[in-house]
N, C-alpha and C. Protein backbone atom coordinates (compact mmCIF):
# COMPACT_ATOMS: atom_id res chain seq x y z
N MET A 1 -1.41 9.07 -11.33
CA MET A 1 -0.05 9.45 -11.63
C MET A 1 0.92 8.82 -10.64
N TRP A 2 0.50 8.79 -9.35
CA TRP A 2 1.38 8.19 -8.35
C TRP A 2 1.50 6.69 -8.56
N ARG A 3 0.44 6.04 -8.97
CA ARG A 3 0.53 4.60 -9.23
C ARG A 3 1.57 4.32 -10.29
N GLU A 4 1.56 5.10 -11.34
CA GLU A 4 2.54 4.92 -12.41
C GLU A 4 3.95 5.27 -11.93
N ALA A 5 4.09 6.37 -11.22
CA ALA A 5 5.41 6.83 -10.76
C ALA A 5 6.06 5.82 -9.82
N LEU A 6 5.26 5.20 -8.97
CA LEU A 6 5.80 4.26 -7.99
C LEU A 6 5.70 2.81 -8.43
N GLY A 7 5.05 2.57 -9.57
CA GLY A 7 4.90 1.20 -10.05
C GLY A 7 4.07 0.36 -9.11
N ASN A 8 3.03 0.98 -8.53
CA ASN A 8 2.19 0.30 -7.55
C ASN A 8 0.73 0.56 -7.89
N ASP A 9 0.06 -0.44 -8.45
CA ASP A 9 -1.33 -0.29 -8.86
C ASP A 9 -2.32 -0.35 -7.70
N GLU A 10 -1.83 -0.57 -6.49
CA GLU A 10 -2.72 -0.72 -5.35
C GLU A 10 -2.74 0.50 -4.44
N LEU A 11 -2.16 1.62 -4.87
CA LEU A 11 -2.17 2.83 -4.04
C LEU A 11 -3.59 3.31 -3.84
N THR A 12 -3.84 3.85 -2.65
CA THR A 12 -5.14 4.45 -2.36
C THR A 12 -4.93 5.92 -2.01
N LEU A 13 -6.02 6.65 -1.88
CA LEU A 13 -5.92 8.06 -1.52
C LEU A 13 -5.35 8.28 -0.13
N GLU A 14 -5.36 7.26 0.69
CA GLU A 14 -4.86 7.38 2.05
C GLU A 14 -3.38 7.03 2.19
N ASP A 15 -2.75 6.61 1.10
CA ASP A 15 -1.33 6.23 1.15
C ASP A 15 -0.43 7.46 1.19
N ASP A 16 0.66 7.33 1.93
CA ASP A 16 1.70 8.36 2.04
C ASP A 16 2.80 7.97 1.06
N VAL A 17 2.93 8.73 -0.02
CA VAL A 17 3.89 8.36 -1.06
C VAL A 17 5.33 8.43 -0.57
N LEU A 18 5.62 9.32 0.35
CA LEU A 18 6.98 9.40 0.88
C LEU A 18 7.32 8.15 1.69
N MET A 19 6.37 7.69 2.46
CA MET A 19 6.59 6.46 3.23
C MET A 19 6.71 5.25 2.31
N LEU A 20 6.13 5.34 1.12
CA LEU A 20 6.21 4.24 0.16
C LEU A 20 7.47 4.34 -0.70
N GLY A 21 8.31 5.34 -0.42
CA GLY A 21 9.60 5.41 -1.08
C GLY A 21 9.71 6.38 -2.25
N ALA A 22 8.74 7.28 -2.41
CA ALA A 22 8.83 8.26 -3.49
C ALA A 22 10.08 9.11 -3.32
N THR A 23 10.78 9.32 -4.41
CA THR A 23 11.98 10.15 -4.40
C THR A 23 11.63 11.56 -4.84
N SER A 24 12.55 12.49 -4.60
CA SER A 24 12.31 13.86 -5.02
C SER A 24 12.17 13.94 -6.54
N LEU A 25 12.88 13.10 -7.27
CA LEU A 25 12.75 13.07 -8.73
C LEU A 25 11.35 12.63 -9.14
N GLN A 26 10.81 11.62 -8.47
CA GLN A 26 9.46 11.16 -8.77
C GLN A 26 8.44 12.25 -8.46
N ILE A 27 8.64 12.95 -7.36
CA ILE A 27 7.73 14.03 -7.00
C ILE A 27 7.78 15.12 -8.08
N MET A 28 8.97 15.47 -8.54
CA MET A 28 9.09 16.48 -9.59
C MET A 28 8.45 16.01 -10.89
N ASN A 29 8.56 14.73 -11.19
CA ASN A 29 7.90 14.18 -12.39
C ASN A 29 6.39 14.28 -12.28
N VAL A 30 5.85 13.97 -11.10
CA VAL A 30 4.40 14.07 -10.90
C VAL A 30 3.96 15.53 -11.02
N ILE A 31 4.73 16.45 -10.47
CA ILE A 31 4.40 17.88 -10.58
C ILE A 31 4.38 18.30 -12.06
N GLY A 32 5.36 17.82 -12.80
CA GLY A 32 5.40 18.13 -14.23
C GLY A 32 4.21 17.59 -14.98
N ARG A 33 3.80 16.39 -14.63
CA ARG A 33 2.62 15.80 -15.28
C ARG A 33 1.35 16.53 -14.90
N LEU A 34 1.24 16.93 -13.63
CA LEU A 34 0.07 17.70 -13.21
C LEU A 34 -0.02 18.99 -14.01
N ALA A 35 1.10 19.66 -14.14
CA ALA A 35 1.13 20.92 -14.88
C ALA A 35 0.73 20.70 -16.34
N GLU A 36 1.26 19.64 -16.93
CA GLU A 36 1.01 19.39 -18.35
C GLU A 36 -0.38 18.81 -18.61
N ASP A 37 -0.73 17.75 -17.89
CA ASP A 37 -1.98 17.03 -18.16
C ASP A 37 -3.22 17.74 -17.63
N LEU A 38 -3.09 18.39 -16.48
CA LEU A 38 -4.27 18.99 -15.84
C LEU A 38 -4.22 20.51 -15.79
N SER A 39 -3.19 21.08 -16.37
CA SER A 39 -3.02 22.55 -16.36
C SER A 39 -3.07 23.10 -14.94
N ILE A 40 -2.36 22.43 -14.04
CA ILE A 40 -2.30 22.84 -12.64
C ILE A 40 -0.91 23.36 -12.34
N ASP A 41 -0.84 24.53 -11.73
CA ASP A 41 0.44 25.05 -11.27
C ASP A 41 0.66 24.48 -9.87
N ALA A 42 1.36 23.36 -9.80
CA ALA A 42 1.51 22.63 -8.55
C ALA A 42 2.79 23.05 -7.84
N PRO A 43 2.65 23.74 -6.70
CA PRO A 43 3.85 24.09 -5.94
C PRO A 43 4.46 22.83 -5.31
N VAL A 44 5.77 22.75 -5.35
CA VAL A 44 6.47 21.59 -4.81
C VAL A 44 6.08 21.35 -3.36
N GLU A 45 5.95 22.42 -2.60
CA GLU A 45 5.63 22.28 -1.17
C GLU A 45 4.32 21.55 -0.95
N ALA A 46 3.37 21.70 -1.85
CA ALA A 46 2.07 21.06 -1.68
C ALA A 46 2.20 19.55 -1.66
N LEU A 47 3.12 19.01 -2.44
CA LEU A 47 3.29 17.56 -2.47
C LEU A 47 4.20 17.05 -1.36
N PHE A 48 5.08 17.89 -0.87
CA PHE A 48 5.94 17.48 0.23
C PHE A 48 5.25 17.67 1.59
N ASP A 49 4.43 18.71 1.72
CA ASP A 49 3.77 19.01 2.99
C ASP A 49 2.56 18.12 3.23
N ALA A 50 1.85 17.77 2.18
CA ALA A 50 0.67 16.92 2.33
C ALA A 50 1.15 15.48 2.52
N ILE A 51 0.56 14.79 3.49
CA ILE A 51 1.04 13.46 3.84
C ILE A 51 0.47 12.37 2.93
N THR A 52 -0.81 12.44 2.64
CA THR A 52 -1.43 11.40 1.82
C THR A 52 -1.77 11.94 0.43
N ILE A 53 -2.07 11.03 -0.47
CA ILE A 53 -2.47 11.43 -1.81
C ILE A 53 -3.73 12.28 -1.75
N ARG A 54 -4.65 11.94 -0.86
CA ARG A 54 -5.88 12.73 -0.70
C ARG A 54 -5.53 14.16 -0.27
N GLU A 55 -4.63 14.31 0.68
CA GLU A 55 -4.23 15.64 1.15
C GLU A 55 -3.53 16.42 0.05
N GLN A 56 -2.77 15.73 -0.79
CA GLN A 56 -2.12 16.40 -1.91
C GLN A 56 -3.18 16.93 -2.87
N ALA A 57 -4.17 16.09 -3.18
CA ALA A 57 -5.23 16.52 -4.08
C ALA A 57 -6.00 17.72 -3.52
N GLU A 58 -6.27 17.68 -2.23
CA GLU A 58 -6.96 18.81 -1.58
C GLU A 58 -6.12 20.08 -1.64
N ALA A 59 -4.82 19.94 -1.40
CA ALA A 59 -3.92 21.10 -1.42
C ALA A 59 -3.84 21.70 -2.81
N LEU A 60 -3.98 20.87 -3.82
CA LEU A 60 -3.91 21.33 -5.21
C LEU A 60 -5.27 21.69 -5.78
N GLY A 61 -6.32 21.48 -4.99
CA GLY A 61 -7.66 21.80 -5.46
C GLY A 61 -8.19 20.82 -6.49
N THR A 62 -7.70 19.59 -6.45
CA THR A 62 -8.13 18.58 -7.43
C THR A 62 -8.87 17.43 -6.79
N ALA A 63 -9.25 17.56 -5.54
CA ALA A 63 -9.94 16.46 -4.85
C ALA A 63 -11.31 16.25 -5.46
N THR A 64 -11.71 14.98 -5.52
CA THR A 64 -13.03 14.65 -6.03
C THR A 64 -13.85 13.98 -4.97
């Protein structure tokens, strides 16, 4: 979802989306997609507080 939101096919789990320029609108779009596609109630704080994509997944309980 982050790759699509940021238009960057080379993102890894260790990337910090905020440092890569993610906007609050993009974060809200990703939260909406998580809720819709994965039936996850994603608190906004989880995506702002977690630094990397991996940490976001862990905070949301979706890490693999």
